Amino acid sequence: MVASAEAFPRRIASWSDLTKLVEHFSYYNGHDWLFRGVTSVEHGLVPKIGRPKTRKLKKVQGTTERKPVPYRLEDERAILSMFRQQARAHLQSVPQSNLEWLAIAQHFGLPTRLLDWTDSLLVAAWFAVEEAGAKEVDSAIWVTRGVRTVSLDEPGDPLSYPDPAVYRPPHISPRIAAQGSVLMICPNPTQEVAPPFSAKIVIERKVEFTLKKRLNACGINRRHLFPDLAGLTEHLAWIYKNDWLMGYRLRPGSDVALADDTNDQAVE
């Protein structure tokens, strides 16, 4: 075992490497570890509302140049106000705090200053390798700890917090519970959030499909992380794509292979 909680490997090149990280973080389980899987090693810790590509390109007056519409705090407040006004008809219960409203907006895809994290290393690994075989870059898992946790009914305006904070939302949907969802509030949405500790573990592209297949064997897959019909059908489409249908074929005497003993290769 390594000498300290923060002295863990920063690269995954095999399933064995991932399991060693599981051992490490379970050994040092007295820490409030959080994990964030990203499909590209180039992705930093900037929330969606502050990323340049979130907004359209617009022509600069008097030139032929086009630049993204910039982030503005007043625009963030405006879109959240519109969400609160118009979302009530679609909610089974009315959110009880500003933070809960923000969490629901994030959950359903509105650009916010929240970053999705999880308290499960394996869930983060799945999100990192989700696009295995469909891209040309390595993926990564971000790790952090020691970020202040706010209460469910934290008073005040979450858009005015001066420092990073984590919010553990109520289980308003099965997805939040299944994913061990934890949300980080980023005080400066256009800048990389700077928690007290952060590290990036690179996942080599060549091993991503193997990890996704092994995680599926452990019950970490889209069907379980997105427990609804959309998650189920997307998972089954992946199973069909890779010809992993044993146990459900009704014609065992057909000319299909009786078992999948092939190498771990993604179907492009």
C-alpha atoms as a PDB file:
ATOM      1  CA  MET A   1       0.000   0.000   0.000  1.00  0.00           C
ATOM      2  CA  VAL A   2       1.284   3.449  -0.869  1.00  0.00           C
ATOM      3  CA  ALA A   3       2.397   5.882   1.787  1.00  0.00           C
ATOM      4  CA  SER A   4      -0.359   8.492   1.681  1.00  0.00           C
ATOM      5  CA  ALA A   5      -3.931   9.055   0.551  1.00  0.00           C
ATOM      6  CA  GLU A   6      -2.917  11.336  -2.320  1.00  0.00           C
ATOM      7  CA  ALA A   7      -0.092   9.113  -3.610  1.00  0.00           C
ATOM      8  CA  PHE A   8      -2.101   7.025  -6.071  1.00  0.00           C
ATOM      9  CA  PRO A   9      -1.219   6.140  -9.707  1.00  0.00           C
ATOM     10  CA  ARG A  10      -2.211   8.702 -12.330  1.00  0.00           C
ATOM     11  CA  ARG A  11      -2.602   6.346 -15.310  1.00  0.00           C
ATOM     12  CA  ILE A  12      -4.827   3.362 -16.109  1.00  0.00           C
ATOM     13  CA  ALA A  13      -3.590   0.975 -18.791  1.00  0.00           C
ATOM     14  CA  SER A  14      -5.437  -2.197 -17.715  1.00  0.00           C
ATOM     15  CA  TRP A  15      -8.356  -3.503 -15.669  1.00  0.00           C
ATOM     16  CA  SER A  16      -5.815  -4.435 -13.002  1.00  0.00           C
ATOM     17  CA  ASP A  17      -4.773  -0.765 -12.746  1.00  0.00           C
ATOM     18  CA  LEU A  18      -8.383   0.233 -12.089  1.00  0.00           C
ATOM     19  CA  THR A  19      -8.869  -2.442  -9.419  1.00  0.00           C
ATOM     20  CA  LYS A  20      -5.699  -1.243  -7.672  1.00  0.00           C
ATOM     21  CA  LEU A  21      -7.223   2.234  -7.515  1.00  0.00           C
ATOM     22  CA  VAL A  22     -10.373   0.733  -6.003  1.00  0.00           C
ATOM     23  CA  GLU A  23      -8.180  -0.851  -3.335  1.00  0.00           C
ATOM     24  CA  HIS A  24      -6.416   2.447  -2.711  1.00  0.00           C
ATOM     25  CA  PHE A  25      -9.541   4.556  -2.259  1.00  0.00           C
ATOM     26  CA  SER A  26     -11.278   1.909  -0.182  1.00  0.00           C
ATOM     27  CA  TYR A  27      -8.190   1.701   2.048  1.00  0.00           C
ATOM     28  CA  TYR A  28      -8.248   5.482   2.539  1.00  0.00           C
ATOM     29  CA  ASN A  29     -12.023   5.559   2.927  1.00  0.00           C
ATOM     30  CA  GLY A  30     -11.902   8.051   5.768  1.00  0.00           C
ATOM     31  CA  HIS A  31     -11.638  10.796   3.152  1.00  0.00           C
ATOM     32  CA  ASP A  32     -14.549  12.380   1.305  1.00  0.00           C
ATOM     33  CA  TRP A  33     -13.380  11.284  -2.155  1.00  0.00           C
ATOM     34  CA  LEU A  34     -15.309  12.430  -5.202  1.00  0.00           C
ATOM     35  CA  PHE A  35     -14.765  11.305  -8.799  1.00  0.00           C
ATOM     36  CA  ARG A  36     -15.662  12.746 -12.196  1.00  0.00           C
ATOM     37  CA  GLY A  37     -15.293  10.756 -15.400  1.00  0.00           C
ATOM     38  CA  VAL A  38     -14.645  12.659 -18.644  1.00  0.00           C
ATOM     39  CA  THR A  39     -14.484  11.186 -22.145  1.00  0.00           C
ATOM     40  CA  SER A  40     -11.492  13.318 -23.126  1.00  0.00           C
ATOM     41  CA  VAL A  41      -8.316  13.858 -21.153  1.00  0.00           C
ATOM     42  CA  GLU A  42      -8.439  17.441 -22.406  1.00  0.00           C
ATOM     43  CA  HIS A  43     -11.653  18.226 -20.534  1.00  0.00           C
ATOM     44  CA  GLY A  44     -11.024  20.428 -17.513  1.00  0.00           C
ATOM     45  CA  LEU A  45     -13.199  21.418 -14.572  1.00  0.00           C
ATOM     46  CA  VAL A  46     -15.283  24.161 -16.156  1.00  0.00           C
ATOM     47  CA  PRO A  47     -19.078  23.924 -15.821  1.00  0.00           C
ATOM     48  CA  LYS A  48     -21.206  23.845 -18.947  1.00  0.00           C
ATOM     49  CA  ILE A  49     -22.605  27.351 -18.609  1.00  0.00           C
ATOM     50  CA  GLY A  50     -19.093  28.841 -18.688  1.00  0.00           C
ATOM     51  CA  ARG A  51     -17.665  26.873 -21.624  1.00  0.00           C
ATOM     52  CA  PRO A  52     -17.172  28.881 -24.832  1.00  0.00           C
ATOM     53  CA  LYS A  53     -18.819  26.198 -27.004  1.00  0.00           C
ATOM     54  CA  THR A  54     -22.042  26.331 -24.986  1.00  0.00           C
ATOM     55  CA  ARG A  55     -23.121  29.518 -26.789  1.00  0.00           C
ATOM     56  CA  LYS A  56     -23.348  30.264 -30.505  1.00  0.00           C
ATOM     57  CA  LEU A  57     -20.799  32.138 -32.560  1.00  0.00           C
ATOM     58  CA  LYS A  58     -21.837  35.686 -33.279  1.00  0.00           C
ATOM     59  CA  LYS A  59     -20.367  38.194 -35.706  1.00  0.00           C
ATOM     60  CA  VAL A  60     -18.255  40.932 -34.140  1.00  0.00           C
ATOM     61  CA  GLN A  61     -19.671  44.291 -35.179  1.00  0.00           C
ATOM     62  CA  GLY A  62     -17.665  45.983 -37.908  1.00  0.00           C
ATOM     63  CA  THR A  63     -15.602  42.864 -38.746  1.00  0.00           C
ATOM     64  CA  THR A  64     -15.975  39.467 -40.374  1.00  0.00           C
ATOM     65  CA  GLU A  65     -14.805  37.760 -37.164  1.00  0.00           C
ATOM     66  CA  ARG A  66     -17.170  35.535 -35.206  1.00  0.00           C
ATOM     67  CA  LYS A  67     -16.849  34.889 -31.464  1.00  0.00           C
ATOM     68  CA  PRO A  68     -18.925  32.917 -28.955  1.00  0.00           C
ATOM     69  CA  VAL A  69     -21.530  34.907 -27.079  1.00  0.00           C
ATOM     70  CA  PRO A  70     -19.804  35.445 -23.697  1.00  0.00           C
ATOM     71  CA  TYR A  71     -21.030  34.171 -20.352  1.00  0.00           C
ATOM     72  CA  ARG A  72     -22.872  36.809 -18.359  1.00  0.00           C
ATOM     73  CA  LEU A  73     -24.148  36.450 -14.797  1.00  0.00           C
ATOM     74  CA  GLU A  74     -27.354  38.268 -15.724  1.00  0.00           C
ATOM     75  CA  ASP A  75     -27.957  35.687 -18.474  1.00  0.00           C
ATOM     76  CA  GLU A  76     -27.438  32.849 -16.004  1.00  0.00           C
ATOM     77  CA  ARG A  77     -29.971  34.394 -13.646  1.00  0.00           C
ATOM     78  CA  ALA A  78     -32.384  34.951 -16.546  1.00  0.00           C
ATOM     79  CA  ILE A  79     -32.319  31.347 -17.759  1.00  0.00           C
ATOM     80  CA  LEU A  80     -32.786  30.044 -14.205  1.00  0.00           C
ATOM     81  CA  SER A  81     -35.703  32.423 -13.713  1.00  0.00           C
ATOM     82  CA  MET A  82     -37.298  31.126 -16.916  1.00  0.00           C
ATOM     83  CA  PHE A  83     -36.768  27.545 -15.739  1.00  0.00           C
ATOM     84  CA  ARG A  84     -38.407  28.200 -12.362  1.00  0.00           C
ATOM     85  CA  GLN A  85     -41.336  29.896 -14.045  1.00  0.00           C
ATOM     86  CA  GLN A  86     -41.968  27.253 -16.690  1.00  0.00           C
ATOM     87  CA  ALA A  87     -40.859  23.952 -15.128  1.00  0.00           C
ATOM     88  CA  ARG A  88     -43.465  23.653 -12.377  1.00  0.00           C
ATOM     89  CA  ALA A  89     -46.034  21.988 -14.637  1.00  0.00           C
ATOM     90  CA  HIS A  90     -43.556  19.156 -15.285  1.00  0.00           C
ATOM     91  CA  LEU A  91     -42.537  18.525 -11.659  1.00  0.00           C
ATOM     92  CA  GLN A  92     -44.254  16.167  -9.246  1.00  0.00           C
ATOM     93  CA  SER A  93     -43.223  18.346  -6.300  1.00  0.00           C
ATOM     94  CA  VAL A  94     -42.006  21.936  -6.059  1.00  0.00           C
ATOM     95  CA  PRO A  95     -38.306  22.323  -5.105  1.00  0.00           C
ATOM     96  CA  GLN A  96     -37.790  23.585  -1.567  1.00  0.00           C
ATOM     97  CA  SER A  97     -34.665  25.723  -2.006  1.00  0.00           C
ATOM     98  CA  ASN A  98     -32.632  27.648  -4.547  1.00  0.00           C
ATOM     99  CA  LEU A  99     -30.071  24.830  -4.542  1.00  0.00           C
ATOM    100  CA  GLU A 100     -32.702  22.223  -5.269  1.00  0.00           C
ATOM    101  CA  TRP A 101     -33.981  24.281  -8.197  1.00  0.00           C
ATOM    102  CA  LEU A 102     -30.420  24.524  -9.516  1.00  0.00           C
ATOM    103  CA  ALA A 103     -29.890  20.778  -9.103  1.00  0.00           C
ATOM    104  CA  ILE A 104     -33.065  19.917 -10.997  1.00  0.00           C
ATOM    105  CA  ALA A 105     -32.116  22.308 -13.801  1.00  0.00           C
ATOM    106  CA  GLN A 106     -28.708  20.601 -14.054  1.00  0.00           C
ATOM    107  CA  HIS A 107     -30.266  17.145 -13.944  1.00  0.00           C
ATOM    108  CA  PHE A 108     -32.490  17.855 -16.931  1.00  0.00           C
ATOM    109  CA  GLY A 109     -29.738  19.413 -19.046  1.00  0.00           C
ATOM    110  CA  LEU A 110     -29.920  23.164 -18.463  1.00  0.00           C
ATOM    111  CA  PRO A 111     -26.460  24.806 -18.579  1.00  0.00           C
ATOM    112  CA  THR A 112     -25.590  25.683 -14.968  1.00  0.00           C
ATOM    113  CA  ARG A 113     -22.543  26.393 -12.811  1.00  0.00           C
ATOM    114  CA  LEU A 114     -22.728  22.878 -11.374  1.00  0.00           C
ATOM    115  CA  LEU A 115     -20.293  20.067 -12.195  1.00  0.00           C
ATOM    116  CA  ASP A 116     -21.434  16.445 -11.909  1.00  0.00           C
ATOM    117  CA  TRP A 117     -19.365  14.244  -9.602  1.00  0.00           C
ATOM    118  CA  THR A 118     -20.001  10.890  -7.941  1.00  0.00           C
ATOM    119  CA  ASP A 119     -18.854   9.169  -4.788  1.00  0.00           C
ATOM    120  CA  SER A 120     -18.211   5.962  -6.802  1.00  0.00           C
ATOM    121  CA  LEU A 121     -14.915   5.443  -8.613  1.00  0.00           C
ATOM    122  CA  LEU A 122     -16.435   2.748 -10.840  1.00  0.00           C
ATOM    123  CA  VAL A 123     -19.347   4.964 -11.870  1.00  0.00           C
ATOM    124  CA  ALA A 124     -16.870   7.698 -12.791  1.00  0.00           C
ATOM    125  CA  ALA A 125     -14.826   5.165 -14.754  1.00  0.00           C
ATOM    126  CA  TRP A 126     -17.921   4.157 -16.741  1.00  0.00           C
ATOM    127  CA  PHE A 127     -18.690   7.763 -17.663  1.00  0.00           C
ATOM    128  CA  ALA A 128     -15.057   8.168 -18.743  1.00  0.00           C
ATOM    129  CA  VAL A 129     -15.087   5.145 -21.070  1.00  0.00           C
ATOM    130  CA  GLU A 130     -18.708   5.465 -22.211  1.00  0.00           C
ATOM    131  CA  GLU A 131     -17.625   6.391 -25.760  1.00  0.00           C
ATOM    132  CA  ALA A 132     -14.988   3.648 -26.007  1.00  0.00           C
ATOM    133  CA  GLY A 133     -14.125   2.922 -29.638  1.00  0.00           C
ATOM    134  CA  ALA A 134     -15.726   6.104 -30.953  1.00  0.00           C
ATOM    135  CA  LYS A 135     -12.991   8.679 -30.394  1.00  0.00           C
ATOM    136  CA  GLU A 136      -9.268   9.261 -30.842  1.00  0.00           C
ATOM    137  CA  VAL A 137      -8.217  10.592 -27.414  1.00  0.00           C
ATOM    138  CA  ASP A 138      -7.607   9.162 -23.955  1.00  0.00           C
ATOM    139  CA  SER A 139     -10.244   9.648 -21.285  1.00  0.00           C
ATOM    140  CA  ALA A 140      -9.736  10.547 -17.621  1.00  0.00           C
ATOM    141  CA  ILE A 141     -11.078  10.483 -14.077  1.00  0.00           C
ATOM    142  CA  TRP A 142     -10.813  13.597 -11.949  1.00  0.00           C
ATOM    143  CA  VAL A 143     -10.413  13.058  -8.195  1.00  0.00           C
ATOM    144  CA  THR A 144     -10.996  15.560  -5.409  1.00  0.00           C
ATOM    145  CA  ARG A 145     -11.578  15.712  -1.667  1.00  0.00           C
ATOM    146  CA  GLY A 146     -11.914  18.246   1.131  1.00  0.00           C
ATOM    147  CA  VAL A 147     -14.552  20.443  -0.549  1.00  0.00           C
ATOM    148  CA  ARG A 148     -17.043  22.070   1.802  1.00  0.00           C
ATOM    149  CA  THR A 149     -20.456  20.385   1.798  1.00  0.00           C
ATOM    150  CA  VAL A 150     -23.565  22.540   1.973  1.00  0.00           C
ATOM    151  CA  SER A 151     -26.787  21.391   3.616  1.00  0.00           C
ATOM    152  CA  LEU A 152     -29.951  20.499   1.726  1.00  0.00           C
ATOM    153  CA  ASP A 153     -31.586  23.713   2.892  1.00  0.00           C
ATOM    154  CA  GLU A 154     -28.511  25.962   2.695  1.00  0.00           C
ATOM    155  CA  PRO A 155     -29.706  29.580   2.832  1.00  0.00           C
ATOM    156  CA  GLY A 156     -28.641  32.281   0.445  1.00  0.00           C
ATOM    157  CA  ASP A 157     -27.989  32.531  -3.263  1.00  0.00           C
ATOM    158  CA  PRO A 158     -25.904  29.640  -4.718  1.00  0.00           C
ATOM    159  CA  LEU A 159     -24.795  31.987  -7.520  1.00  0.00           C
ATOM    160  CA  SER A 160     -23.033  34.107  -4.897  1.00  0.00           C
ATOM    161  CA  TYR A 161     -20.931  31.445  -3.143  1.00  0.00           C
ATOM    162  CA  PRO A 162     -17.310  32.688  -3.013  1.00  0.00           C
ATOM    163  CA  ASP A 163     -15.693  29.237  -2.861  1.00  0.00           C
ATOM    164  CA  PRO A 164     -16.332  25.783  -4.340  1.00  0.00           C
ATOM    165  CA  ALA A 165     -18.888  23.717  -2.462  1.00  0.00           C
ATOM    166  CA  VAL A 166     -20.525  20.336  -2.952  1.00  0.00           C
ATOM    167  CA  TYR A 167     -24.241  19.670  -2.755  1.00  0.00           C
ATOM    168  CA  ARG A 168     -25.706  16.201  -2.341  1.00  0.00           C
ATOM    169  CA  PRO A 169     -29.138  16.590  -3.905  1.00  0.00           C
ATOM    170  CA  PRO A 170     -32.288  14.832  -2.740  1.00  0.00           C
ATOM    171  CA  HIS A 171     -33.029  11.712  -4.733  1.00  0.00           C
ATOM    172  CA  ILE A 172     -35.523  13.455  -6.992  1.00  0.00           C
ATOM    173  CA  SER A 173     -34.992  10.842  -9.702  1.00  0.00           C
ATOM    174  CA  PRO A 174     -33.729   7.231  -9.840  1.00  0.00           C
ATOM    175  CA  ARG A 175     -30.734   8.414 -11.887  1.00  0.00           C
ATOM    176  CA  ILE A 176     -29.397  10.599  -9.078  1.00  0.00           C
ATOM    177  CA  ALA A 177     -29.553   7.677  -6.646  1.00  0.00           C
ATOM    178  CA  ALA A 178     -28.079   5.150  -9.089  1.00  0.00           C
ATOM    179  CA  GLN A 179     -25.142   7.366 -10.012  1.00  0.00           C
ATOM    180  CA  GLY A 180     -24.257   8.467  -6.456  1.00  0.00           C
ATOM    181  CA  SER A 181     -24.634  11.992  -7.780  1.00  0.00           C
ATOM    182  CA  VAL A 182     -22.819  14.862  -6.081  1.00  0.00           C
ATOM    183  CA  LEU A 183     -22.887  18.372  -7.525  1.00  0.00           C
ATOM    184  CA  MET A 184     -20.062  20.891  -7.203  1.00  0.00           C
ATOM    185  CA  ILE A 185     -20.945  24.588  -7.216  1.00  0.00           C
ATOM    186  CA  CYS A 186     -18.330  26.553  -9.175  1.00  0.00           C
ATOM    187  CA  PRO A 187     -18.013  30.203  -8.066  1.00  0.00           C
ATOM    188  CA  ASN A 188     -16.380  31.391 -11.327  1.00  0.00           C
ATOM    189  CA  PRO A 189     -18.158  29.499 -14.132  1.00  0.00           C
ATOM    190  CA  THR A 190     -15.758  30.486 -16.922  1.00  0.00           C
ATOM    191  CA  GLN A 191     -12.677  29.341 -15.008  1.00  0.00           C
ATOM    192  CA  GLU A 192     -11.360  25.975 -13.872  1.00  0.00           C
ATOM    193  CA  VAL A 193     -12.735  25.285 -10.425  1.00  0.00           C
ATOM    194  CA  ALA A 194      -9.952  25.021  -7.846  1.00  0.00           C
ATOM    195  CA  PRO A 195     -10.866  22.659  -4.971  1.00  0.00           C
ATOM    196  CA  PRO A 196      -8.395  22.160  -2.109  1.00  0.00           C
ATOM    197  CA  PHE A 197      -7.124  18.995  -3.826  1.00  0.00           C
ATOM    198  CA  SER A 198      -7.581  17.682  -7.347  1.00  0.00           C
ATOM    199  CA  ALA A 199      -5.815  15.132  -9.531  1.00  0.00           C
ATOM    200  CA  LYS A 200      -6.413  13.633 -12.959  1.00  0.00           C
ATOM    201  CA  ILE A 201      -6.062   9.927 -13.719  1.00  0.00           C
ATOM    202  CA  VAL A 202      -5.554   9.291 -17.428  1.00  0.00           C
ATOM    203  CA  ILE A 203      -7.242   6.237 -18.988  1.00  0.00           C
ATOM    204  CA  GLU A 204      -5.410   5.025 -22.071  1.00  0.00           C
ATOM    205  CA  ARG A 205      -7.711   4.815 -25.085  1.00  0.00           C
ATOM    206  CA  LYS A 206      -6.565   1.276 -25.927  1.00  0.00           C
ATOM    207  CA  VAL A 207      -8.039  -0.122 -22.703  1.00  0.00           C
ATOM    208  CA  GLU A 208     -11.343   1.786 -22.652  1.00  0.00           C
ATOM    209  CA  PHE A 209     -13.465  -0.926 -24.281  1.00  0.00           C
ATOM    210  CA  THR A 210     -12.027  -3.579 -21.983  1.00  0.00           C
ATOM    211  CA  LEU A 211     -12.896  -1.442 -18.954  1.00  0.00           C
ATOM    212  CA  LYS A 212     -16.427  -0.837 -20.228  1.00  0.00           C
ATOM    213  CA  LYS A 213     -16.929  -4.570 -20.759  1.00  0.00           C
ATOM    214  CA  ARG A 214     -15.558  -5.436 -17.294  1.00  0.00           C
ATOM    215  CA  LEU A 215     -17.676  -2.716 -15.661  1.00  0.00           C
ATOM    216  CA  ASN A 216     -20.740  -4.154 -17.376  1.00  0.00           C
ATOM    217  CA  ALA A 217     -19.918  -7.529 -15.789  1.00  0.00           C
ATOM    218  CA  CYS A 218     -19.887  -5.725 -12.418  1.00  0.00           C
ATOM    219  CA  GLY A 219     -23.328  -4.218 -13.046  1.00  0.00           C
ATOM    220  CA  ILE A 220     -21.994  -0.772 -13.938  1.00  0.00           C
ATOM    221  CA  ASN A 221     -23.690   0.026 -17.248  1.00  0.00           C
ATOM    222  CA  ARG A 222     -26.249   2.348 -18.807  1.00  0.00           C
ATOM    223  CA  ARG A 223     -29.176   0.125 -17.769  1.00  0.00           C
ATOM    224  CA  HIS A 224     -28.300   0.522 -14.082  1.00  0.00           C
ATOM    225  CA  LEU A 225     -27.022   4.104 -14.144  1.00  0.00           C
ATOM    226  CA  PHE A 226     -29.998   5.373 -16.154  1.00  0.00           C
ATOM    227  CA  PRO A 227     -32.818   3.255 -14.699  1.00  0.00           C
ATOM    228  CA  ASP A 228     -35.531   4.121 -17.180  1.00  0.00           C
ATOM    229  CA  LEU A 229     -36.661   2.922 -20.611  1.00  0.00           C
ATOM    230  CA  ALA A 230     -34.155   5.137 -22.421  1.00  0.00           C
ATOM    231  CA  GLY A 231     -31.256   3.733 -20.383  1.00  0.00           C
ATOM    232  CA  LEU A 232     -32.492   0.164 -20.881  1.00  0.00           C
ATOM    233  CA  THR A 233     -32.884   0.433 -24.647  1.00  0.00           C
ATOM    234  CA  GLU A 234     -29.501   2.146 -25.109  1.00  0.00           C
ATOM    235  CA  HIS A 235     -27.861  -0.604 -23.048  1.00  0.00           C
ATOM    236  CA  LEU A 236     -29.593  -3.360 -25.027  1.00  0.00           C
ATOM    237  CA  ALA A 237     -28.565  -1.698 -28.296  1.00  0.00           C
ATOM    238  CA  TRP A 238     -24.942  -1.892 -27.090  1.00  0.00           C
ATOM    239  CA  ILE A 239     -25.414  -5.579 -26.191  1.00  0.00           C
ATOM    240  CA  TYR A 240     -26.881  -6.255 -29.643  1.00  0.00           C
ATOM    241  CA  LYS A 241     -24.110  -4.317 -31.377  1.00  0.00           C
ATOM    242  CA  ASN A 242     -21.475  -6.509 -29.729  1.00  0.00           C
ATOM    243  CA  ASP A 243     -23.408  -9.796 -30.197  1.00  0.00           C
ATOM    244  CA  TRP A 244     -23.648 -10.603 -26.480  1.00  0.00           C
ATOM    245  CA  LEU A 245     -27.044 -12.321 -26.666  1.00  0.00           C
ATOM    246  CA  MET A 246     -26.358 -15.733 -25.143  1.00  0.00           C
ATOM    247  CA  GLY A 247     -29.138 -16.903 -22.858  1.00  0.00           C
ATOM    248  CA  TYR A 248     -31.780 -15.121 -24.921  1.00  0.00           C
ATOM    249  CA  ARG A 249     -31.338 -16.810 -28.303  1.00  0.00           C
ATOM    250  CA  LEU A 250     -34.183 -19.244 -28.880  1.00  0.00           C
ATOM    251  CA  ARG A 251     -32.337 -21.338 -31.495  1.00  0.00           C
ATOM    252  CA  PRO A 252     -29.234 -22.875 -29.830  1.00  0.00           C
ATOM    253  CA  GLY A 253     -28.718 -25.037 -32.912  1.00  0.00           C
ATOM    254  CA  SER A 254     -28.244 -22.128 -35.280  1.00  0.00           C
ATOM    255  CA  ASP A 255     -24.930 -21.233 -36.890  1.00  0.00           C
ATOM    256  CA  VAL A 256     -24.152 -18.387 -34.490  1.00  0.00           C
ATOM    257  CA  ALA A 257     -21.236 -18.711 -32.111  1.00  0.00           C
ATOM    258  CA  LEU A 258     -22.171 -20.382 -28.829  1.00  0.00           C
ATOM    259  CA  ALA A 259     -19.967 -18.161 -26.715  1.00  0.00           C
ATOM    260  CA  ASP A 260     -18.083 -14.896 -26.955  1.00  0.00           C
ATOM    261  CA  ASP A 261     -14.432 -15.817 -26.589  1.00  0.00           C
ATOM    262  CA  THR A 262     -13.128 -13.032 -28.807  1.00  0.00           C
ATOM    263  CA  ASN A 263     -10.723 -10.309 -27.762  1.00  0.00           C
ATOM    264  CA  ASP A 264     -11.986  -7.121 -26.161  1.00  0.00           C
ATOM    265  CA  GLN A 265     -12.506  -5.072 -29.279  1.00  0.00           C
ATOM    266  CA  ALA A 266     -15.039  -2.344 -29.775  1.00  0.00           C
ATOM    267  CA  VAL A 267     -17.502  -2.448 -32.632  1.00  0.00           C
ATOM    268  CA  GLU A 268     -16.842   0.833 -34.413  1.00  0.00           C
END
